């Protein structure tokens, strides 16, 4: 049993004890903490805190749960000089992330066509396990996508320059494809513009309530219909993670690992640099993937409602990046979202005075949120990324019936379109933590503030 000391109402500490190099800070209410004790979340956080060179503390967000090596919901940083990169601290779905589109339409304008709109979006955006995209790109074009990101999308007419400005990293991380395997390219080649399966989704929502003056800067209005997109780098990113974890385990020696799933390489080693370059390619793929989906969504809204959709923001929640936090460091965020505070030059100029928009999805049929970053240095300016699972997919399938969940949601006026019913069962609200409680914790901890609560109207699942 991992011992914790209560620091405040929603902050707990796992004291540094050998072989730990730093303490762990856990952001959780009592009920959320009890759920974390049900799996290996806290033990995995202790393992991360035992890695050589890890900086002053490891953070676990309230949506944290067991993952591969690192807990999902974990944040850990290393110095640029002599620091490590661990692919497990970024995850297999590199740049899994969120984006929010503003429609400018009211709930009353959309409600009469909601059922048709949901079906049209389901048909327009390929989804499901192994789904193939509608976009036919050559291998040469694909290599441009993964090395240029949104610069390619803007040049090809799938995005505007304003879209790129409203994305983390401007939607592009400079990269080469030298460390990307042929197998990864082949897996990703046909998957641009696809949702995939699992917890990925496209959701039509309305803005239920506003809580913070940043809402005006973000362009949010009560009653407005918005569209949330959640997906990442698909099979391409998964293959990159697999390839480089295997390479690091076989080639990098001399690092004391408390768990092989924490396979790590020095940032300045050949293996570390190769992984980082390939990771950036997956990051670029995911940014463009969400952009191509946006392109399809815009077509549907234009045809049905004559609306022009604007991108509010796009954020990554599985990524590793060099950032300045007093000193330059390499930050791993796995199931955690960057939450920069006001004044950061990395933010779009129109949001810089209030802080970074943070997009937090709930589970299917529950609320989602827009937050704004507080720039809290204790978490390397990071916050949560969603509700966080409390039940495995197999357990959810045993506990819920997809048909019943779909019927319950539609009785509440929430349209659901999905490839198969077992997936609906896997993503049932009961398989996740209470998103309202998760968000309350991060606000009480002073790492992000609630800007808007979003209510689901129509859900498209893989």
Protein backbone atom coordinates (compact mmCIF):
# COMPACT_ATOMS: atom_id res chain seq x y z
CA UNK A 1 0.00 0.00 0.00
CA UNK A 2 1.44 3.37 -1.06
CA UNK A 3 1.37 5.86 1.83
CA UNK A 4 0.09 9.37 1.21
CA UNK A 5 0.23 12.57 3.24
CA UNK A 6 -2.58 15.07 2.80
CA UNK A 7 -1.28 18.49 1.77
CA UNK A 8 -4.63 20.22 1.19
CA UNK A 9 -8.24 19.36 0.42
CA UNK A 10 -7.33 18.00 -3.03
CA UNK A 11 -3.53 17.57 -2.95
CA UNK A 12 -1.72 14.52 -1.58
CA UNK A 13 1.97 13.66 -1.42
CA UNK A 14 3.83 10.39 -1.64
CA UNK A 15 6.98 11.11 0.33
CA UNK A 16 10.34 10.49 -1.31
CA UNK A 17 11.69 7.19 -0.08
CA UNK A 18 14.41 5.04 -1.73
CA UNK A 19 14.60 4.30 -4.59
CA UNK A 20 12.50 7.41 -5.34
CA UNK A 21 14.48 10.47 -6.48
CA UNK A 22 11.59 12.93 -5.95
CA UNK A 23 8.17 12.93 -4.26
CA UNK A 24 4.85 12.45 -6.07
CA UNK A 25 1.97 14.94 -5.93
CA UNK A 26 -1.49 13.46 -6.46
CA UNK A 27 -4.39 15.79 -7.26
CA UNK A 28 -7.58 14.09 -6.09
CA UNK A 29 -10.62 14.21 -3.87
CA UNK A 30 -11.00 11.43 -1.31
CA UNK A 31 -13.40 9.49 -3.53
CA UNK A 32 -11.15 9.83 -6.61
CA UNK A 33 -8.11 8.78 -4.58
CA UNK A 34 -9.95 5.65 -3.49
CA UNK A 35 -10.53 4.77 -7.15
CA UNK A 36 -6.82 5.27 -7.91
CA UNK A 37 -6.00 2.77 -5.17
CA UNK A 38 -7.97 0.17 -7.14
CA UNK A 39 -5.22 -0.25 -9.77
CA UNK A 40 -1.47 0.43 -10.13
CA UNK A 41 -1.76 4.21 -10.68
CA UNK A 42 0.08 5.22 -7.52
CA UNK A 43 2.68 2.46 -7.77
CA UNK A 44 3.43 3.50 -11.36
CA UNK A 45 3.83 7.12 -10.23
CA UNK A 46 6.34 5.96 -7.60
CA UNK A 47 8.23 4.09 -10.33
CA UNK A 48 8.39 7.26 -12.47
CA UNK A 49 9.67 9.20 -9.45
CA UNK A 50 12.48 6.61 -9.21
CA UNK A 51 13.91 7.35 -12.67
CA UNK A 52 17.36 8.98 -12.75
CA UNK A 53 17.31 12.75 -13.16
CA UNK A 54 13.55 13.28 -12.79
CA UNK A 55 12.83 16.85 -11.67
CA UNK A 56 11.38 18.14 -8.48
CA UNK A 57 8.18 16.09 -8.35
CA UNK A 58 5.97 13.82 -10.42
CA UNK A 59 2.31 14.85 -10.81
CA UNK A 60 -0.78 12.65 -11.09
CA UNK A 61 -3.97 14.36 -12.27
CA UNK A 62 -7.42 13.47 -10.86
CA UNK A 63 -8.32 11.53 -14.01
CA UNK A 64 -5.23 9.37 -13.47
CA UNK A 65 -5.38 5.61 -13.90
CA UNK A 66 -3.07 2.72 -14.73
CA UNK A 67 -1.28 2.88 -18.07
CA UNK A 68 1.78 1.45 -19.83
CA UNK A 69 4.66 2.18 -17.47
CA UNK A 70 3.64 5.74 -16.65
CA UNK A 71 0.17 6.27 -15.20
CA UNK A 72 -2.28 7.94 -17.57
CA UNK A 73 -2.74 11.40 -16.10
CA UNK A 74 0.97 11.62 -15.28
CA UNK A 75 3.37 14.54 -15.74
CA UNK A 76 7.16 14.22 -15.37
CA UNK A 77 10.05 16.42 -16.49
CA UNK A 78 13.77 15.93 -16.98
CA UNK A 79 16.64 18.38 -17.49
CA UNK A 80 17.79 19.02 -21.03
CA UNK A 81 21.35 18.23 -19.99
CA UNK A 82 21.59 14.59 -18.96
CA UNK A 83 17.83 14.04 -18.97
CA UNK A 84 15.81 11.10 -20.23
CA UNK A 85 12.94 10.50 -22.63
CA UNK A 86 10.63 7.55 -21.99
CA UNK A 87 8.12 6.67 -24.74
CA UNK A 88 5.88 5.15 -22.06
CA UNK A 89 5.56 8.64 -20.58
CA UNK A 90 4.01 9.87 -23.82
CA UNK A 91 1.99 6.80 -24.71
CA UNK A 92 1.15 4.71 -27.73
CA UNK A 93 -1.41 7.15 -29.14
CA UNK A 94 1.05 10.01 -29.64
CA UNK A 95 -0.73 13.40 -29.76
CA UNK A 96 -4.07 12.00 -28.88
CA UNK A 97 -5.78 15.33 -28.37
CA UNK A 98 -8.84 17.53 -28.44
CA UNK A 99 -10.21 20.29 -30.59
CA UNK A 100 -13.30 22.45 -30.31
CA UNK A 101 -15.12 24.06 -33.23
CA UNK A 102 -17.48 27.02 -32.87
CA UNK A 103 -20.54 26.93 -35.14
CA UNK A 104 -22.11 30.33 -34.40
CA UNK A 105 -25.47 28.51 -34.32
CA UNK A 106 -27.92 28.39 -31.45
CA UNK A 107 -29.28 25.21 -29.90
CA UNK A 108 -32.71 26.10 -31.30
CA UNK A 109 -31.36 26.32 -34.85
CA UNK A 110 -29.72 22.89 -34.71
CA UNK A 111 -32.22 20.86 -32.68
CA UNK A 112 -34.73 20.32 -35.57
CA UNK A 113 -32.05 18.67 -37.74
CA UNK A 114 -30.03 17.02 -34.96
CA UNK A 115 -30.82 13.43 -35.92
CA UNK A 116 -30.01 14.05 -39.58
CA UNK A 117 -26.89 16.02 -38.63
CA UNK A 118 -25.56 13.21 -36.41
CA UNK A 119 -26.14 10.60 -39.12
CA UNK A 120 -24.48 12.82 -41.73
CA UNK A 121 -21.41 13.34 -39.55
CA UNK A 122 -21.23 9.57 -38.93
CA UNK A 123 -21.24 8.94 -42.68
CA UNK A 124 -18.78 11.75 -43.44
CA UNK A 125 -16.09 10.81 -40.91
CA UNK A 126 -14.72 7.23 -41.12
CA UNK A 127 -14.58 5.55 -37.72
CA UNK A 128 -14.01 2.17 -36.10
CA UNK A 129 -11.09 -0.19 -35.56
CA UNK A 130 -8.72 -0.13 -38.54
CA UNK A 131 -10.89 2.42 -40.36
CA UNK A 132 -9.54 3.79 -43.62
CA UNK A 133 -9.78 7.41 -44.63
CA UNK A 134 -11.49 8.93 -47.64
CA UNK A 135 -8.38 10.96 -48.43
CA UNK A 136 -6.14 9.37 -51.03
CA UNK A 137 -2.54 10.53 -50.54
CA UNK A 138 0.59 9.11 -52.10
CA UNK A 139 3.50 7.92 -49.99
CA UNK A 140 5.40 11.08 -50.93
CA UNK A 141 2.51 13.28 -49.81
CA UNK A 142 2.23 11.30 -46.59
CA UNK A 143 5.90 11.98 -45.82
CA UNK A 144 5.15 15.68 -46.33
CA UNK A 145 2.25 15.41 -43.88
CA UNK A 146 4.34 13.85 -41.12
CA UNK A 147 7.26 16.26 -41.50
CA UNK A 148 5.27 19.48 -42.10
CA UNK A 149 2.01 19.00 -40.21
CA UNK A 150 -0.46 21.85 -40.63
CA UNK A 151 1.78 23.63 -43.12
CA UNK A 152 0.85 20.84 -45.54
CA UNK A 153 -2.85 21.09 -44.66
CA UNK A 154 -2.92 24.86 -45.24
CA UNK A 155 -1.08 24.54 -48.54
CA UNK A 156 -3.51 21.85 -49.74
CA UNK A 157 -6.61 23.84 -48.81
CA UNK A 158 -7.77 21.65 -45.91
CA UNK A 159 -7.05 24.38 -43.36
CA UNK A 160 -6.66 28.13 -43.00
CA UNK A 161 -3.76 30.00 -41.46
CA UNK A 162 -6.13 30.98 -38.64
CA UNK A 163 -6.69 27.26 -37.93
CA UNK A 164 -2.94 26.77 -37.52
CA UNK A 165 -2.66 29.78 -35.20
CA UNK A 166 -5.25 28.24 -32.87
CA UNK A 167 -3.35 25.00 -32.35
CA UNK A 168 -0.70 23.92 -29.89
CA UNK A 169 2.69 24.24 -31.62
CA UNK A 170 0.89 25.91 -34.53
CA UNK A 171 0.02 22.37 -35.60
CA UNK A 172 3.56 21.56 -36.70
CA UNK A 173 6.76 20.28 -35.08
CA UNK A 174 9.81 20.31 -37.39
CA UNK A 175 10.85 16.72 -38.12
CA UNK A 176 12.45 14.36 -40.58
CA UNK A 177 11.11 10.89 -41.36
CA UNK A 178 14.50 9.18 -41.07
CA UNK A 179 13.52 7.28 -37.91
CA UNK A 180 10.03 6.26 -39.05
CA UNK A 181 9.77 2.62 -40.13
CA UNK A 182 8.23 1.46 -43.39
CA UNK A 183 5.69 -0.48 -41.34
CA UNK A 184 4.59 2.70 -39.53
CA UNK A 185 4.18 4.55 -42.84
CA UNK A 186 2.11 1.70 -44.28
CA UNK A 187 -0.13 1.64 -41.20
CA UNK A 188 -0.72 5.38 -41.32
CA UNK A 189 -0.94 5.90 -45.06
CA UNK A 190 -4.69 5.30 -45.35
CA UNK A 191 -5.79 6.63 -41.96
CA UNK A 192 -5.77 10.42 -42.37
CA UNK A 193 -9.16 11.85 -41.47
CA UNK A 194 -10.34 8.91 -39.35
CA UNK A 195 -11.60 8.79 -35.76
CA UNK A 196 -10.63 5.22 -34.95
CA UNK A 197 -12.28 3.49 -32.01
CA UNK A 198 -11.82 3.23 -28.25
CA UNK A 199 -12.62 6.46 -26.44
CA UNK A 200 -12.31 8.57 -29.58
CA UNK A 201 -15.37 10.48 -30.69
CA UNK A 202 -16.93 13.41 -32.48
CA UNK A 203 -19.65 15.17 -30.48
CA UNK A 204 -22.14 17.95 -31.17
CA UNK A 205 -22.65 19.93 -27.96
CA UNK A 206 -24.24 23.10 -26.69
CA UNK A 207 -22.65 25.56 -24.30
CA UNK A 208 -24.67 25.08 -21.13
CA UNK A 209 -23.16 27.62 -18.75
CA UNK A 210 -20.29 30.09 -18.66
CA UNK A 211 -18.20 30.65 -15.53
CA UNK A 212 -15.18 32.77 -16.46
CA UNK A 213 -14.54 36.02 -18.39
CA UNK A 214 -12.11 34.10 -20.65
CA UNK A 215 -15.23 32.74 -22.40
CA UNK A 216 -15.55 36.01 -24.30
CA UNK A 217 -11.96 35.79 -25.54
CA UNK A 218 -12.50 32.18 -26.58
CA UNK A 219 -15.67 33.11 -28.52
CA UNK A 220 -18.04 30.99 -26.39
CA UNK A 221 -21.67 32.00 -25.84
CA UNK A 222 -24.37 30.31 -23.77
CA UNK A 223 -26.65 28.18 -25.92
CA UNK A 224 -24.20 28.07 -28.84
CA UNK A 225 -23.64 24.75 -30.59
CA UNK A 226 -20.03 23.55 -30.72
CA UNK A 227 -18.31 20.43 -32.05
CA UNK A 228 -15.68 18.50 -30.09
CA UNK A 229 -13.23 16.10 -31.77
CA UNK A 230 -11.11 13.57 -29.90
CA UNK A 231 -8.60 11.39 -31.74
CA UNK A 232 -4.86 11.01 -32.27
CA UNK A 233 -2.20 9.42 -34.44
CA UNK A 234 -4.01 6.11 -34.98
CA UNK A 235 -1.97 3.04 -36.02
CA UNK A 236 0.88 5.30 -37.20
CA UNK A 237 1.65 6.60 -33.71
CA UNK A 238 1.15 3.17 -32.16
CA UNK A 239 3.72 1.64 -34.51
CA UNK A 240 6.23 4.40 -33.80
CA UNK A 241 5.90 3.80 -30.07
CA UNK A 242 6.26 0.02 -30.54
CA UNK A 243 9.31 0.37 -32.79
CA UNK A 244 11.20 2.74 -30.51
CA UNK A 245 10.34 1.09 -27.19
CA UNK A 246 11.75 -2.12 -28.62
CA UNK A 247 14.87 -0.34 -29.91
CA UNK A 248 15.48 1.42 -26.59
CA UNK A 249 15.07 -1.78 -24.58
CA UNK A 250 17.53 -3.63 -26.79
CA UNK A 251 20.17 -0.93 -27.20
CA UNK A 252 20.14 1.37 -24.16
CA UNK A 253 21.94 -0.08 -21.15
CA UNK A 254 23.02 1.22 -17.77
CA UNK A 255 19.76 2.99 -16.78
CA UNK A 256 18.22 1.63 -13.58
CA UNK A 257 14.57 0.96 -14.52
CA UNK A 258 12.04 0.03 -11.83
CA UNK A 259 9.83 -1.34 -14.64
CA UNK A 260 10.76 -2.37 -18.20
CA UNK A 261 7.71 -0.45 -19.41
CA UNK A 262 9.60 2.70 -18.38
CA UNK A 263 12.21 2.05 -21.09
CA UNK A 264 14.15 5.30 -21.41
CA UNK A 265 17.04 6.79 -23.36
CA UNK A 266 19.21 9.86 -22.75
CA UNK A 267 17.79 12.84 -24.64
CA UNK A 268 21.12 13.34 -26.41
CA UNK A 269 21.64 9.67 -27.33
CA UNK A 270 21.09 8.29 -30.82
CA UNK A 271 18.10 6.26 -29.58
CA UNK A 272 16.62 9.26 -27.76
CA UNK A 273 17.01 11.57 -30.73
CA UNK A 274 15.59 8.97 -33.11
CA UNK A 275 12.51 8.51 -30.94
CA UNK A 276 11.95 12.26 -30.58
CA UNK A 277 12.14 12.78 -34.34
CA UNK A 278 9.69 9.95 -35.00
CA UNK A 279 7.42 11.18 -32.19
CA UNK A 280 7.22 14.60 -33.87
CA UNK A 281 6.12 12.88 -37.08
CA UNK A 282 3.28 11.22 -35.17
CA UNK A 283 2.41 14.58 -33.58
CA UNK A 284 2.17 16.16 -37.04
CA UNK A 285 0.06 13.27 -38.32
CA UNK A 286 -2.42 13.67 -35.45
CA UNK A 287 -2.75 17.43 -35.95
CA UNK A 288 -3.51 16.88 -39.64
CA UNK A 289 -5.81 13.95 -38.83
CA UNK A 290 -8.00 16.19 -36.66
CA UNK A 291 -7.82 18.88 -39.34
CA UNK A 292 -9.06 16.58 -42.12
CA UNK A 293 -11.93 15.50 -39.86
CA UNK A 294 -12.65 19.20 -39.33
CA UNK A 295 -12.72 19.66 -43.10
CA UNK A 296 -15.42 16.95 -43.39
CA UNK A 297 -17.39 18.37 -40.45
CA UNK A 298 -17.35 21.83 -42.01
CA UNK A 299 -18.76 20.40 -45.24
CA UNK A 300 -21.66 18.76 -43.39
CA UNK A 301 -22.54 21.90 -41.43
CA UNK A 302 -22.32 24.02 -44.56
CA UNK A 303 -24.62 21.70 -46.51
CA UNK A 304 -27.23 21.27 -43.77
CA UNK A 305 -27.12 24.60 -41.97
CA UNK A 306 -25.07 27.03 -44.06
CA UNK A 307 -22.68 27.53 -41.15
CA UNK A 308 -18.97 28.34 -41.22
CA UNK A 309 -17.14 26.71 -38.32
CA UNK A 310 -14.21 28.35 -36.54
CA UNK A 311 -11.51 26.50 -34.64
CA UNK A 312 -11.37 27.66 -31.03
CA UNK A 313 -8.32 25.59 -30.11
CA UNK A 314 -6.57 22.22 -30.53
CA UNK A 315 -4.52 20.68 -27.71
CA UNK A 316 -2.43 17.53 -27.31
CA UNK A 317 -2.62 15.36 -24.21
CA UNK A 318 -0.07 12.65 -25.10
CA UNK A 319 3.15 14.44 -25.95
CA UNK A 320 6.72 15.22 -24.91
CA UNK A 321 8.18 18.69 -25.42
CA UNK A 322 11.08 20.95 -24.59
CA UNK A 323 9.68 23.90 -22.64
CA UNK A 324 10.97 26.65 -20.39
CA UNK A 325 9.84 26.39 -16.77
CA UNK A 326 12.36 28.61 -15.06
CA UNK A 327 14.94 26.56 -16.93
CA UNK A 328 14.63 24.53 -20.13
CA UNK A 329 13.28 21.04 -19.44
CA UNK A 330 11.76 18.11 -21.32
CA UNK A 331 8.18 17.53 -20.14
CA UNK A 332 6.30 14.24 -20.54
CA UNK A 333 2.52 14.64 -20.53
CA UNK A 334 0.58 11.40 -20.75
CA UNK A 335 -3.14 11.86 -20.41
CA UNK A 336 -2.43 15.41 -19.26
CA UNK A 337 -2.96 18.74 -20.99
CA UNK A 338 -0.71 21.77 -21.22
CA UNK A 339 -2.30 24.61 -19.20
CA UNK A 340 -0.15 27.68 -19.74
CA UNK A 341 -1.16 30.81 -17.86
CA UNK A 342 -1.50 34.36 -19.17
CA UNK A 343 1.43 36.01 -20.93
CA UNK A 344 3.04 32.94 -22.51
CA UNK A 345 4.35 33.78 -25.99
CA UNK A 346 3.59 30.21 -27.08
CA UNK A 347 -0.14 31.06 -26.96
CA UNK A 348 -2.16 32.64 -29.79
CA UNK A 349 -2.08 36.41 -29.51
CA UNK A 350 -5.85 36.64 -29.00
CA UNK A 351 -5.71 34.31 -25.96
CA UNK A 352 -2.42 35.43 -24.46
CA UNK A 353 -3.94 37.88 -21.98
CA UNK A 354 -6.18 35.24 -20.33
CA UNK A 355 -4.28 31.97 -20.66
CA UNK A 356 -4.49 28.77 -22.67
CA UNK A 357 -7.82 27.14 -23.55
CA UNK A 358 -7.97 23.57 -22.22
CA UNK A 359 -10.55 21.15 -23.68
CA UNK A 360 -11.70 18.41 -21.30
CA UNK A 361 -14.10 15.72 -22.54
CA UNK A 362 -16.42 13.84 -20.24
CA UNK A 363 -17.62 10.31 -20.90
CA UNK A 364 -20.34 9.53 -23.43
CA UNK A 365 -23.56 11.24 -22.39
CA UNK A 366 -22.00 13.44 -19.68
CA UNK A 367 -20.85 17.04 -19.71
CA UNK A 368 -17.52 18.23 -21.09
CA UNK A 369 -15.62 21.37 -20.15
CA UNK A 370 -13.51 24.22 -21.41
CA UNK A 371 -10.93 25.34 -18.86
CA UNK A 372 -8.27 28.02 -18.89
CA UNK A 373 -4.70 27.45 -17.72
CA UNK A 374 -3.40 29.03 -14.52
CA UNK A 375 0.27 28.38 -15.31
CA UNK A 376 0.89 26.51 -12.05
CA UNK A 377 4.63 25.69 -11.83
CA UNK A 378 4.04 22.71 -9.51
CA UNK A 379 2.60 20.70 -12.43
CA UNK A 380 4.85 22.19 -15.13
CA UNK A 381 1.73 24.13 -16.17
CA UNK A 382 -0.35 21.01 -16.80
CA UNK A 383 -3.88 19.87 -15.95
CA UNK A 384 -6.20 16.87 -16.49
CA UNK A 385 -7.29 15.54 -19.89
CA UNK A 386 -10.70 13.94 -19.30
CA UNK A 387 -12.75 11.88 -16.88
CA UNK A 388 -10.41 8.88 -16.57
CA UNK A 389 -11.46 5.25 -16.62
CA UNK A 390 -12.41 3.33 -13.48
CA UNK A 391 -13.44 0.15 -15.29
CA UNK A 392 -11.61 -1.87 -17.94
CA UNK A 393 -13.20 -2.28 -21.35
CA UNK A 394 -13.87 -5.97 -20.76
CA UNK A 395 -15.46 -5.21 -17.39
CA UNK A 396 -17.62 -2.50 -18.99
CA UNK A 397 -18.84 -4.95 -21.64
CA UNK A 398 -19.83 -7.36 -18.87
CA UNK A 399 -21.57 -4.62 -16.88
CA UNK A 400 -23.42 -2.68 -19.57
CA UNK A 401 -25.39 -3.33 -22.75
CA UNK A 402 -24.73 -1.09 -25.73
CA UNK A 403 -28.36 -1.13 -26.87
CA UNK A 404 -29.59 -0.09 -23.43
CA UNK A 405 -27.04 2.74 -23.15
CA UNK A 406 -28.02 4.01 -26.61
CA UNK A 407 -31.73 3.93 -25.72
CA UNK A 408 -31.12 5.71 -22.41
CA UNK A 409 -29.15 8.48 -24.11
CA UNK A 410 -31.69 8.96 -26.87
CA UNK A 411 -34.48 9.27 -24.28
CA UNK A 412 -32.46 12.22 -22.94
CA UNK A 413 -32.37 13.72 -26.44
CA UNK A 414 -28.76 12.67 -27.16
CA UNK A 415 -28.38 11.07 -30.59
CA UNK A 416 -25.80 8.26 -30.84
CA UNK A 417 -24.23 6.75 -33.96
CA UNK A 418 -21.61 4.01 -33.59
CA UNK A 419 -20.04 1.18 -35.60
CA UNK A 420 -20.98 -1.46 -33.04
CA UNK A 421 -22.93 -1.74 -29.79
CA UNK A 422 -20.18 -3.39 -27.69
CA UNK A 423 -18.15 -0.19 -28.14
CA UNK A 424 -21.02 1.83 -26.69
CA UNK A 425 -20.95 -0.47 -23.65
CA UNK A 426 -17.17 0.02 -23.30
CA UNK A 427 -17.65 3.78 -23.24
CA UNK A 428 -20.67 3.85 -20.91
CA UNK A 429 -20.62 6.74 -18.40
CA UNK A 430 -20.37 4.21 -15.55
CA UNK A 431 -16.95 3.10 -16.83
CA UNK A 432 -15.51 6.56 -16.07
CA UNK A 433 -14.99 8.89 -13.14
CA UNK A 434 -17.35 11.79 -12.52
CA UNK A 435 -16.09 14.54 -14.85
CA UNK A 436 -17.66 17.25 -12.66
CA UNK A 437 -15.61 16.06 -9.69
CA UNK A 438 -12.41 15.81 -11.75
CA UNK A 439 -12.80 19.39 -12.92
CA UNK A 440 -13.63 20.59 -9.40
CA UNK A 441 -10.32 19.13 -8.22
CA UNK A 442 -8.13 20.87 -10.79
CA UNK A 443 -9.86 24.18 -10.07
CA UNK A 444 -9.51 23.76 -6.30
CA UNK A 445 -5.84 22.87 -6.78
CA UNK A 446 -5.23 26.12 -8.67
CA UNK A 447 -3.97 24.54 -11.89
CA UNK A 448 -6.86 25.54 -14.18
CA UNK A 449 -10.19 27.38 -13.98
CA UNK A 450 -13.57 26.37 -15.37
CA UNK A 451 -14.68 28.53 -18.29
CA UNK A 452 -17.66 26.65 -19.73
CA UNK A 453 -19.71 23.51 -19.22
CA UNK A 454 -20.75 21.79 -22.44
CA UNK A 455 -23.79 19.52 -22.78
CA UNK A 456 -23.93 16.65 -25.34
CA UNK A 457 -26.47 16.64 -28.19
CA UNK A 458 -25.17 14.12 -30.73
CA UNK A 459 -22.36 11.56 -30.43
CA UNK A 460 -20.41 9.79 -33.19
CA UNK A 461 -18.33 6.80 -31.98
CA UNK A 462 -16.09 4.29 -33.73
